[in-house]
Protein backbone atom coordinates (compact mmCIF):
# COMPACT_ATOMS: atom_id res chain seq x y z
CA MET A 1 128.71 98.82 131.85
CA SER A 2 127.05 101.15 134.31
CA PHE A 3 127.08 104.90 134.84
CA ASP A 4 125.23 107.55 136.82
CA VAL A 5 122.33 109.56 135.39
CA PRO A 6 120.11 112.33 136.78
CA SER A 7 116.89 111.48 138.57
CA GLY A 8 114.03 111.24 136.07
CA PHE A 9 116.37 110.22 133.23
CA SER A 10 114.77 107.86 130.69
CA ILE A 11 115.82 106.02 127.53
CA SER A 12 113.54 106.29 124.47
CA SER A 13 115.56 104.07 122.13
CA SER A 14 118.95 102.39 121.93
CA TRP A 15 121.12 100.36 119.59
CA ASN A 16 123.94 97.84 119.85
CA GLY A 17 123.19 97.29 123.54
CA ASN A 18 120.40 96.68 126.06
CA ILE A 19 120.08 99.70 128.36
CA SER A 20 118.04 99.91 131.55
CA VAL A 21 117.64 102.74 134.05
CA ASN A 22 117.02 102.18 137.75
CA GLY A 23 116.77 105.41 139.70
CA THR A 24 120.01 107.29 139.08
CA SER A 25 121.95 104.38 137.58
CA ALA A 26 122.00 103.18 133.99
CA ALA A 27 123.22 99.71 133.03
CA VAL A 28 124.19 98.42 129.59
CA THR A 29 124.52 94.81 128.52
CA ASN A 30 125.54 93.50 125.12
CA ALA A 31 123.17 92.80 122.27
CA GLU A 32 122.89 89.18 121.20
CA TYR A 33 125.31 89.64 118.34
CA ASN A 34 128.15 91.64 119.97
CA GLY A 35 128.86 89.91 123.28
CA ASP A 36 132.27 88.66 122.17
CA ILE A 37 134.86 91.28 121.24
CA PRO A 38 137.75 89.95 119.16
CA VAL A 39 141.34 90.93 119.90
CA GLY A 40 141.90 94.37 118.43
CA GLY A 41 138.18 94.81 117.86
CA SER A 42 135.72 97.31 119.29
CA VAL A 43 132.06 97.55 120.23
CA SER A 44 129.97 100.70 120.38
CA PHE A 45 126.47 101.44 121.58
CA GLY A 46 124.21 104.46 121.53
CA PHE A 47 120.91 105.73 122.88
CA ASN A 48 118.38 108.53 122.77
CA TYR A 49 117.27 109.93 126.10
CA SER A 50 115.20 112.55 127.83
CA SER A 51 116.32 114.21 131.04
CA PRO A 52 114.80 116.88 133.30
CA THR A 53 118.29 118.25 133.95
CA ALA A 54 121.44 118.44 131.85
CA PHE A 55 123.24 115.14 131.37
CA THR A 56 126.93 114.99 130.56
CA PRO A 57 128.30 111.60 129.49
CA PRO A 58 130.75 110.33 132.12
CA SER A 59 134.47 110.35 131.49
CA THR A 60 134.69 106.95 133.24
CA VAL A 61 132.26 104.06 133.54
CA ASP A 62 132.13 100.89 135.59
CA PHE A 63 133.04 98.05 133.28
CA ASN A 64 132.54 94.69 135.01
CA GLY A 65 133.39 96.34 138.30
CA ALA A 66 136.50 98.17 137.08
CA GLN A 67 136.84 101.83 136.15
CA SER A 68 137.43 102.43 132.47
CA SER A 69 137.65 105.63 130.46
CA ALA A 70 134.80 106.33 128.07
CA PRO A 71 134.53 108.70 125.13
CA SER A 72 132.42 111.78 125.72
CA ASN A 73 130.12 113.05 123.01
CA ASN A 74 127.69 115.68 124.24
CA ASN A 75 125.67 117.04 121.37
CA GLY A 76 124.80 120.37 122.90
CA ASN A 77 121.21 119.84 124.02
CA ASN A 78 119.47 118.04 126.85
CA ASN A 79 117.25 115.73 124.83
CA GLN A 80 119.50 113.52 122.71
CA ASN A 81 122.81 111.82 123.14
CA ASN A 82 124.77 109.18 121.33
CA ASN A 83 127.86 107.68 122.96
CA GLN A 84 130.12 106.07 120.41
CA ASN A 85 133.73 105.23 119.74
CA ASN A 86 134.85 104.55 116.21
CA ASN A 87 138.33 104.94 114.76
CA GLN A 88 137.59 104.14 111.12
CA ASN A 89 137.90 106.97 108.65
CA ASN A 90 136.87 105.59 105.26
CA ASP A 91 134.58 107.60 102.97
CA GLN A 92 133.84 110.28 105.54
CA ASN A 93 131.56 113.17 104.71
CA PRO A 94 133.02 116.07 106.70
CA ALA A 95 130.73 118.98 107.41
CA ASP A 96 131.19 121.95 105.13
CA PRO A 97 131.05 125.41 106.65
CA ALA A 98 127.46 126.24 107.56
CA PRO A 99 125.75 128.25 104.80
CA SER A 100 125.01 131.81 105.70
CA GLY A 101 121.66 133.55 105.44
CA ASN A 102 118.38 133.59 107.26
CA VAL A 103 115.88 130.73 107.28
CA GLU A 104 113.93 132.15 104.35
CA GLU A 105 117.07 132.30 102.24
CA LEU A 106 118.16 128.78 103.23
CA LEU A 107 114.77 127.35 102.25
CA LYS A 108 114.71 128.90 98.78
CA ARG A 109 114.45 126.30 96.05
CA THR A 110 117.40 125.77 93.75
CA ASP A 111 117.40 127.65 90.44
CA LYS A 112 118.59 124.50 88.66
CA ALA A 113 115.36 122.59 89.19
CA LYS A 114 112.48 122.58 86.77
CA GLN A 115 109.23 122.00 88.61
CA GLY A 116 106.64 119.45 87.58
CA ASP A 117 108.61 117.49 84.97
CA ASP A 118 109.66 114.58 87.20
CA TRP A 119 106.31 112.97 88.08
CA LEU A 120 106.15 109.24 87.37
CA HIS A 121 103.43 106.80 86.39
CA THR A 122 103.13 103.06 85.83
CA ASP A 123 102.39 100.79 82.89
CA GLY A 124 102.11 97.09 83.71
CA ASN A 125 105.04 96.23 85.95
CA LYS A 126 107.11 99.25 84.90
CA ILE A 127 107.50 102.76 86.30
CA LEU A 128 107.84 105.39 83.58
CA ASP A 129 108.69 109.07 83.35
CA LYS A 130 106.66 111.68 81.45
CA ASN A 131 108.24 110.59 78.15
CA GLY A 132 107.60 106.87 78.63
CA LYS A 133 111.17 106.14 79.65
CA GLN A 134 111.39 103.26 82.14
CA VAL A 135 113.07 104.24 85.39
CA TRP A 136 114.57 102.24 88.23
CA LEU A 137 114.00 103.45 91.78
CA THR A 138 117.04 102.33 93.78
CA GLY A 139 116.97 104.03 97.15
CA VAL A 140 117.66 103.85 100.86
CA ASN A 141 115.75 104.29 104.13
CA TRP A 142 116.75 106.92 106.70
CA PHE A 143 114.60 106.95 109.82
CA GLY A 144 114.19 109.37 112.73
CA TYR A 145 111.06 111.41 112.04
CA ASN A 146 109.09 108.48 113.39
CA THR A 147 111.08 107.94 116.61
CA GLY A 148 110.74 111.19 118.53
CA THR A 149 113.98 112.66 117.21
CA ASN A 150 111.70 114.80 115.01
CA THR A 151 114.38 114.87 112.36
CA PHE A 152 116.77 112.24 111.03
CA ASP A 153 118.52 110.01 113.53
CA GLY A 154 122.29 110.41 113.41
CA LEU A 155 122.37 114.19 113.24
CA TRP A 156 123.64 114.02 116.83
CA ASN A 157 126.95 113.11 115.16
CA SER A 158 126.72 114.17 111.53
CA ASN A 159 125.80 117.15 109.36
CA LEU A 160 122.53 117.03 107.40
CA ARG A 161 123.89 118.78 104.34
CA SER A 162 126.90 116.47 104.08
CA SER A 163 124.82 113.37 104.75
CA VAL A 164 122.35 114.08 101.95
CA LYS A 165 125.24 114.79 99.60
CA GLY A 166 126.90 111.54 100.67
CA ILE A 167 123.76 109.54 99.89
CA ALA A 168 123.55 111.12 96.44
CA ASP A 169 127.25 110.70 95.75
CA HIS A 170 126.95 107.00 96.62
CA GLY A 171 124.25 106.60 93.96
CA PHE A 172 120.94 106.29 95.82
CA ASN A 173 118.28 108.11 93.80
CA LEU A 174 115.45 107.90 96.36
CA ILE A 175 115.24 108.34 100.15
CA ARG A 176 112.36 106.64 101.96
CA VAL A 177 111.65 108.75 105.05
CA PRO A 178 109.76 107.00 107.89
CA ILE A 179 107.56 109.51 109.70
CA SER A 180 104.61 109.36 112.08
CA ALA A 181 101.04 110.43 111.36
CA GLU A 182 101.08 112.17 114.73
CA LEU A 183 104.00 114.41 113.76
CA LEU A 184 102.43 115.35 110.42
CA ASN A 185 99.22 116.33 112.18
CA GLN A 186 101.15 118.40 114.72
CA TRP A 187 102.83 120.25 111.87
CA SER A 188 99.46 120.77 110.21
CA ARG A 189 98.25 122.51 113.40
CA GLY A 190 101.31 124.74 113.62
CA GLU A 191 102.90 122.68 116.40
CA TYR A 192 106.59 121.92 115.98
CA PRO A 193 108.06 119.34 118.38
CA LYS A 194 111.72 120.00 119.04
CA ALA A 195 114.14 118.46 116.55
CA ASN A 196 117.07 116.82 118.33
CA TYR A 197 120.45 117.12 116.66
CA ASN A 198 124.00 118.33 117.24
CA ASN A 199 123.59 122.11 117.30
CA ALA A 200 127.27 122.76 116.61
CA SER A 201 127.49 120.40 113.62
CA ASN A 202 124.23 121.67 112.14
CA ALA A 203 124.38 125.37 112.98
CA GLU A 204 122.22 126.34 110.00
CA LEU A 205 119.31 124.41 111.54
CA ASN A 206 119.33 126.27 114.84
CA ASP A 207 116.81 128.91 113.77
CA MET A 208 114.51 126.36 112.12
CA ASN A 209 111.61 124.45 113.61
CA SER A 210 111.24 120.74 112.86
CA LEU A 211 109.03 121.31 109.81
CA GLN A 212 111.44 123.86 108.37
CA ILE A 213 114.25 121.35 108.83
CA PHE A 214 112.22 118.86 106.77
CA ASP A 215 111.71 121.52 104.09
CA TYR A 216 115.44 122.24 104.16
CA PHE A 217 116.11 118.51 103.70
CA LEU A 218 113.87 118.54 100.61
CA LYS A 219 115.86 121.44 99.21
CA LEU A 220 119.14 119.58 99.83
CA ALA A 221 117.72 116.46 98.17
CA GLU A 222 116.65 118.52 95.17
CA GLU A 223 120.06 120.15 94.86
CA ASN A 224 121.70 116.71 94.82
CA GLY A 225 119.28 115.13 92.35
CA VAL A 226 117.65 112.85 94.95
CA LYS A 227 113.92 112.15 95.18
CA VAL A 228 111.99 111.55 98.41
CA MET A 229 109.26 109.13 99.51
CA PRO A 230 107.69 109.81 102.93
CA ASP A 231 106.47 106.67 104.65
CA ILE A 232 103.75 106.67 107.32
CA HIS A 233 105.78 104.37 109.53
CA CYS A 234 103.54 104.52 112.58
CA ALA A 235 100.48 106.28 113.92
CA GLU A 236 102.09 107.67 117.07
CA THR A 237 105.57 109.12 117.33
CA ASN A 238 107.54 106.39 119.06
CA ALA A 239 110.72 104.46 118.32
CA MET A 240 108.69 101.27 118.76
CA GLY A 241 105.57 102.62 117.06
CA HIS A 242 106.02 100.30 114.07
CA ASN A 243 105.20 97.37 116.38
CA VAL A 244 101.57 98.54 116.54
CA ASN A 245 99.53 96.37 114.18
CA LEU A 246 97.35 98.98 112.51
CA TRP A 247 97.34 102.51 111.15
CA TYR A 248 95.32 103.86 114.08
CA THR A 249 95.47 103.77 117.89
CA ASP A 250 93.40 105.13 120.77
CA LYS A 251 95.34 108.38 120.35
CA VAL A 252 95.50 108.61 116.54
CA THR A 253 92.18 107.79 114.86
CA VAL A 254 91.57 106.56 111.33
CA ASP A 255 90.48 110.09 110.40
CA ASP A 256 93.71 111.42 111.91
CA TYR A 257 95.63 108.97 109.74
CA TYR A 258 93.78 110.10 106.61
CA HIS A 259 94.31 113.75 107.53
CA ALA A 260 98.07 113.29 107.87
CA LEU A 261 98.27 111.82 104.37
CA GLU A 262 96.06 114.51 102.87
CA TRP A 263 98.05 117.27 104.55
CA ILE A 264 101.45 116.16 103.32
CA ALA A 265 100.09 115.47 99.82
CA ASP A 266 98.54 118.92 99.63
CA ARG A 267 101.46 120.83 101.15
CA TYR A 268 103.97 119.44 98.65
CA LYS A 269 101.71 119.09 95.61
CA ASP A 270 103.88 121.55 93.67
CA ASN A 271 107.20 119.98 94.72
CA ASP A 272 108.21 117.00 92.61
CA THR A 273 111.12 116.23 94.93
CA ILE A 274 108.47 114.13 96.70
CA ILE A 275 107.45 111.68 93.97
CA ALA A 276 105.70 108.99 96.06
CA LEU A 277 104.01 108.22 99.36
CA ASP A 278 104.21 104.90 101.19
CA ILE A 279 100.81 105.14 102.83
CA LYS A 280 101.48 102.74 105.72
CA ASN A 281 104.41 100.72 106.93
CA GLU A 282 103.90 97.01 107.67
CA PRO A 283 100.25 96.47 108.58
CA HIS A 284 100.22 93.20 110.51
CA GLY A 285 98.59 91.04 113.17
CA LYS A 286 97.99 87.36 113.88
CA PRO A 287 94.78 85.29 113.70
CA ASN A 288 94.26 85.28 117.47
CA GLU A 289 94.28 89.11 117.54
CA GLY A 290 90.89 89.39 115.85
CA SER A 291 89.89 92.94 114.89
CA SER A 292 93.30 94.18 116.01
CA ALA A 293 94.96 92.37 113.10
CA ALA A 294 95.22 93.76 109.57
CA ILE A 295 93.17 91.78 107.06
CA TRP A 296 92.75 91.87 103.27
CA ASN A 297 89.39 91.17 101.66
CA ASN A 298 86.46 92.99 100.02
CA SER A 299 84.83 94.18 103.25
CA THR A 300 84.66 97.68 104.71
CA ALA A 301 85.86 96.50 108.11
CA LYS A 302 87.87 99.05 110.04
CA ASN A 303 90.89 96.72 110.11
CA ASN A 304 90.68 95.82 106.40
CA TRP A 305 93.91 97.14 104.96
CA LYS A 306 92.78 96.68 101.35
CA TYR A 307 89.75 98.93 101.91
CA THR A 308 91.75 101.46 103.93
CA ALA A 309 94.55 101.59 101.37
CA GLU A 310 92.11 102.35 98.55
CA THR A 311 90.41 105.03 100.63
CA ALA A 312 93.69 106.61 101.71
CA ALA A 313 95.17 106.53 98.21
CA LYS A 314 92.15 108.24 96.68
CA LYS A 315 92.26 110.95 99.35
CA VAL A 316 95.95 111.54 98.63
CA LEU A 317 95.49 111.61 94.86
CA ALA A 318 92.61 114.05 95.16
CA LYS A 319 95.18 116.46 96.63
CA ASN A 320 98.04 115.54 94.31
CA PRO A 321 97.17 113.24 91.39
CA ASN A 322 100.84 113.02 90.37
CA LEU A 323 102.15 110.94 93.29
CA LEU A 324 103.00 107.27 93.13
CA ILE A 325 101.18 105.34 95.86
CA MET A 326 103.03 102.50 97.60
CA VAL A 327 100.75 99.83 99.09
CA GLU A 328 102.34 97.27 101.36
CA GLY A 329 100.92 93.87 102.26
CA THR A 330 99.82 92.37 105.56
CA GLU A 331 101.22 89.57 107.75
CA ILE A 332 98.44 87.00 107.28
CA TYR A 333 96.11 86.09 104.45
CA SER A 334 93.11 83.81 104.85
CA LYS A 335 92.99 80.50 103.01
CA LYS A 336 89.17 80.69 103.17
CA ASN A 337 88.17 83.25 100.54
CA GLY A 338 88.79 86.30 102.67
CA ASP A 339 87.12 84.89 105.81
CA TYR A 340 89.10 85.90 108.90
CA SER A 341 86.81 84.48 111.57
CA SER A 342 89.09 81.53 112.34
CA THR A 343 91.75 81.84 115.06
CA ASN A 344 93.51 78.69 113.84
CA SER A 345 96.89 79.53 112.33
CA ALA A 346 96.55 76.61 109.92
CA ASP A 347 93.83 78.57 108.12
CA TYR A 348 96.25 81.35 107.12
CA TYR A 349 99.30 82.06 105.05
CA PHE A 350 102.00 83.94 106.95
CA ASN A 351 104.82 86.22 105.80
CA TRP A 352 106.85 89.18 107.03
CA TRP A 353 104.94 92.19 108.33
CA GLY A 354 103.86 94.08 105.21
CA GLY A 355 105.15 91.25 103.01
CA ASN A 356 101.98 89.26 102.36
CA LEU A 357 100.41 90.41 99.11
CA ARG A 358 98.62 87.17 98.28
CA GLY A 359 95.35 89.08 98.56
CA VAL A 360 96.12 91.04 95.39
CA LYS A 361 95.31 87.93 93.36
CA ASP A 362 91.79 87.75 94.77
CA TYR A 363 91.12 91.35 95.78
CA PRO A 364 93.41 93.74 93.85
CA ILE A 365 93.67 97.38 94.84
CA ASP A 366 91.32 99.47 92.69
CA LEU A 367 92.25 103.13 92.30
CA GLY A 368 89.92 103.77 89.37
CA GLN A 369 91.24 106.60 87.20
CA TYR A 370 94.45 106.61 89.25
CA GLN A 371 95.35 102.95 88.67
CA ASN A 372 98.55 103.98 86.90
CA LYS A 373 99.81 105.44 90.19
CA LEU A 374 99.78 102.13 92.10
CA VAL A 375 102.95 100.31 93.18
CA TYR A 376 102.89 97.30 95.51
CA SER A 377 105.64 97.38 98.13
CA PRO A 378 106.46 94.22 100.09
CA HIS A 379 109.15 93.97 102.79
CA ASP A 380 111.49 91.01 103.09
CA TYR A 381 114.29 90.09 105.50
CA GLY A 382 116.76 87.35 106.28
CA PRO A 383 117.16 84.83 109.10
CA THR A 384 119.09 87.14 111.42
CA VAL A 385 115.91 89.23 111.79
CA TYR A 386 113.73 86.15 112.30
CA GLU A 387 114.16 82.51 111.29
CA GLN A 388 111.10 82.03 109.15
CA PRO A 389 110.07 78.47 108.19
CA TRP A 390 111.56 78.84 104.70
CA PHE A 391 115.02 79.35 106.20
CA GLN A 392 114.99 76.24 108.36
CA GLY A 393 117.07 73.31 107.16
CA GLY A 394 118.94 75.44 104.64
CA TYR A 395 117.77 77.56 101.73
CA ASN A 396 118.89 78.91 98.35
CA TYR A 397 117.65 81.18 95.58
CA ASP A 398 115.27 78.63 94.09
CA SER A 399 113.81 77.62 97.45
CA LEU A 400 113.20 81.26 98.43
CA ILE A 401 111.25 81.82 95.23
CA ARG A 402 109.29 78.63 95.73
CA ASP A 403 108.64 78.89 99.47
CA CYS A 404 108.17 82.63 99.93
CA TRP A 405 108.61 85.18 97.16
CA GLN A 406 106.57 83.70 94.30
CA GLU A 407 103.18 83.36 95.97
CA ASN A 408 103.51 86.32 98.31
CA TRP A 409 104.37 89.01 95.77
CA LEU A 410 106.68 88.08 92.88
CA TYR A 411 103.68 86.93 90.82
CA ILE A 412 102.49 90.56 90.73
CA HIS A 413 105.59 91.49 88.73
CA GLN A 414 105.58 88.35 86.58
CA ASN A 415 101.90 88.73 85.69
CA ASN A 416 102.52 92.35 84.68
CA THR A 417 99.87 93.45 87.21
CA ALA A 418 101.78 96.39 88.70
CA PRO A 419 105.32 97.41 89.59
CA LEU A 420 106.97 96.23 92.79
CA LEU A 421 109.17 98.26 95.11
CA ILE A 422 110.87 96.24 97.86
CA GLY A 423 110.46 98.88 100.55
CA GLU A 424 112.76 97.23 103.07
CA TRP A 425 115.48 94.63 102.65
CA GLY A 426 118.87 94.47 104.30
CA GLY A 427 120.83 93.10 107.22
CA PHE A 428 124.21 92.12 108.54
CA MET A 429 126.90 90.97 106.15
CA ARG A 430 127.39 87.56 107.77
CA GLU A 431 125.89 84.11 107.57
CA PRO A 432 123.24 82.88 107.64
CA ASN A 433 122.03 86.29 106.49
CA LEU A 434 124.52 86.87 103.70
CA THR A 435 123.15 84.04 101.58
CA TRP A 436 119.68 85.59 101.77
CA MET A 437 121.08 89.06 100.98
CA THR A 438 122.83 87.66 97.91
CA CYS A 439 119.68 85.90 96.71
CA MET A 440 117.55 89.01 97.16
CA ARG A 441 120.10 91.12 95.31
CA ARG A 442 120.03 88.63 92.44
CA LEU A 443 116.23 88.77 92.29
CA ILE A 444 116.26 92.57 92.28
CA LYS A 445 118.98 92.73 89.63
CA GLU A 446 117.53 90.15 87.24
CA ASN A 447 114.05 91.68 87.36
CA HIS A 448 115.00 95.34 87.84
CA LEU A 449 112.76 95.44 90.91
CA ASN A 450 112.54 98.88 92.48
CA HIS A 451 113.81 98.96 96.06
CA THR A 452 114.81 101.06 99.06
CA PHE A 453 117.52 99.37 101.13
CA TRP A 454 117.16 99.16 104.92
CA CYS A 455 118.97 101.22 105.93
CA TYR A 456 121.28 104.22 106.09
CA ASN A 457 121.09 104.38 109.91
CA ALA A 458 123.83 102.87 112.04
CA ASN A 459 121.31 102.50 114.88
CA SER A 460 119.15 99.80 113.30
CA GLY A 461 119.71 97.08 115.88
CA ASP A 462 118.71 94.02 113.86
CA THR A 463 120.26 95.02 110.51
CA GLY A 464 123.00 97.61 111.01
CA GLY A 465 123.36 100.42 108.50
CA LEU A 466 125.28 101.68 105.50
CA VAL A 467 127.13 104.08 107.78
CA LEU A 468 128.93 103.35 111.01
CA ASP A 469 128.23 104.87 114.41
CA ASP A 470 129.58 108.28 113.51
CA PHE A 471 126.94 108.45 110.72
CA SER A 472 129.66 109.71 108.38
CA THR A 473 131.91 106.72 107.74
CA TRP A 474 130.42 104.38 105.17
CA ASP A 475 130.56 100.61 105.67
CA THR A 476 132.53 99.89 102.51
CA GLU A 477 131.75 96.17 102.39
CA LYS A 478 127.99 96.65 102.70
CA TYR A 479 127.89 99.61 100.32
CA ASN A 480 129.83 97.75 97.62
CA PHE A 481 127.35 94.89 98.00
CA VAL A 482 124.32 97.16 97.50
CA LYS A 483 126.01 99.19 94.78
CA GLU A 484 125.45 96.34 92.33
CA VAL A 485 121.70 97.06 92.35
CA LEU A 486 121.87 100.84 92.08
CA TRP A 487 120.78 102.22 88.72
CA GLN A 488 123.87 102.90 86.60
CA GLU A 489 124.62 103.61 82.97
CA ASN A 490 128.18 103.59 81.64
CA GLY A 491 129.59 103.70 85.15
CA LYS A 492 127.43 106.67 86.21
CA PHE A 493 124.61 106.58 88.73
CA VAL A 494 121.24 107.58 87.26
CA GLY A 495 118.99 110.02 89.08
CA LEU A 496 115.26 110.64 88.80
CA ASP A 497 115.44 114.39 88.12
CA HIS A 498 115.44 115.34 84.45
CA GLU A 499 117.67 118.36 84.97
CA ILE A 500 119.89 117.79 88.03
CA PRO A 501 122.52 115.01 88.02
CA LEU A 502 122.57 112.56 90.91
CA GLY A 503 125.43 113.67 93.16
CA GLU A 504 128.98 114.06 91.95
CA ASN A 505 129.14 110.69 90.23
CA GLY A 506 125.82 110.57 88.43
CA ILE A 507 123.74 111.81 85.54
CA SER A 508 120.25 113.25 85.29
CA LEU A 509 117.24 111.32 84.05
CA GLY A 510 117.22 113.57 81.02
CA GLU A 511 120.66 112.23 80.07
CA ALA A 512 119.82 108.58 80.74
CA LYS A 513 118.71 106.07 78.12
CA GLY A 514 116.35 104.28 80.52
CA LEU A 515 115.95 100.55 81.08
């Protein structure tokens, strides 16, 4: 497809298609997985953009040289747009009338909540509440605060209030929120980058800055019995920021990274809607990248993730000692007693970015008096994201344990060292990925591993989402698959708030028996 755009128009991120801009013309080609459209089928794509002048989606586009009508979906501002066409109407979350009142009134905490009774701690491989009841964190990821949207992606189509309610009603008791260190530090300085969303569908947000919208989200989560875990997904605000190996860049220093964590911990220290912090998403890097690669040993090297994680965690817990701290792994781990001087790949164990926690066996994270706040959080994906060696030639549940999971992180759970939370897992519901999805679900279910599914967003190009392109219609097949590993008792979803039930179909933690 091709269509005209204003001069200076640029694409910041896209999904379900490859989009390029040349002067005043934009061209779209298919993604690898959606080039063939079956009879009666449909394909949609979307993008975020910036434009010096107003851009209105065209009513017609050139499709292989022929004119074809296109749906128009202008969200009411000049910074974001999502073109989509979807005629499915299952499980929609229509927007309720916008609540009335000024910003101060909208941000008032709910009267139903009791503050400070929902903090969690660990004991061995279990996560417990204040009464020693074992809990099961079964959540979902919803990104956008890391990409430059400066709020959740998808609000160009959907309503925030209805979306949070939909997540709760579908039984997810935790939302992992990817966010950038840069944005947190801007907020800390009183700078509020514009939040991009559909102004008409989210009228109550129009008088709020981006930080106030985040605070409003926390209130909505609280009202629906959902807990929140911010995740420092990248140093700089950028849709591709997670590709950067480390937690710092030329623009965002290590001290800036620490400051962002301290600021968010301190600001919300009296709000137990935020129960955990994932202190850095997917530290990674390969042997030939030297000091630009994340390592794990007992050194104080700037790129040593183990040392940085301990330092960051202690800074966070000095501000709020009640938070759970999620520590992810790296990509490589040295076979030579923590020596990373070799550039030979044969001298290293490899895994997914953030998924290599072999170093815990030799150099465990030490949080001193706060050790009962530590949770290790690997990421794991299937062959449609990347065909790792353990997928080649066929694989099954036993081979995945043997060739990947056991030595990289499962031993942490089995040895009762600390709890695990699989921070990202997910993908398309088709082979060869579906076999991996089924195996991972079995592992989670049999061991009651905590997890946050990737992801809610429709615009995750290599996994898809739990909702379709309208960000309101749930993918029933994928949801029913994940539903099997959501915490339930007697057919009711179990939340993590002692007083407020989880959505319309759940119970509170106070009502639950526990695992």
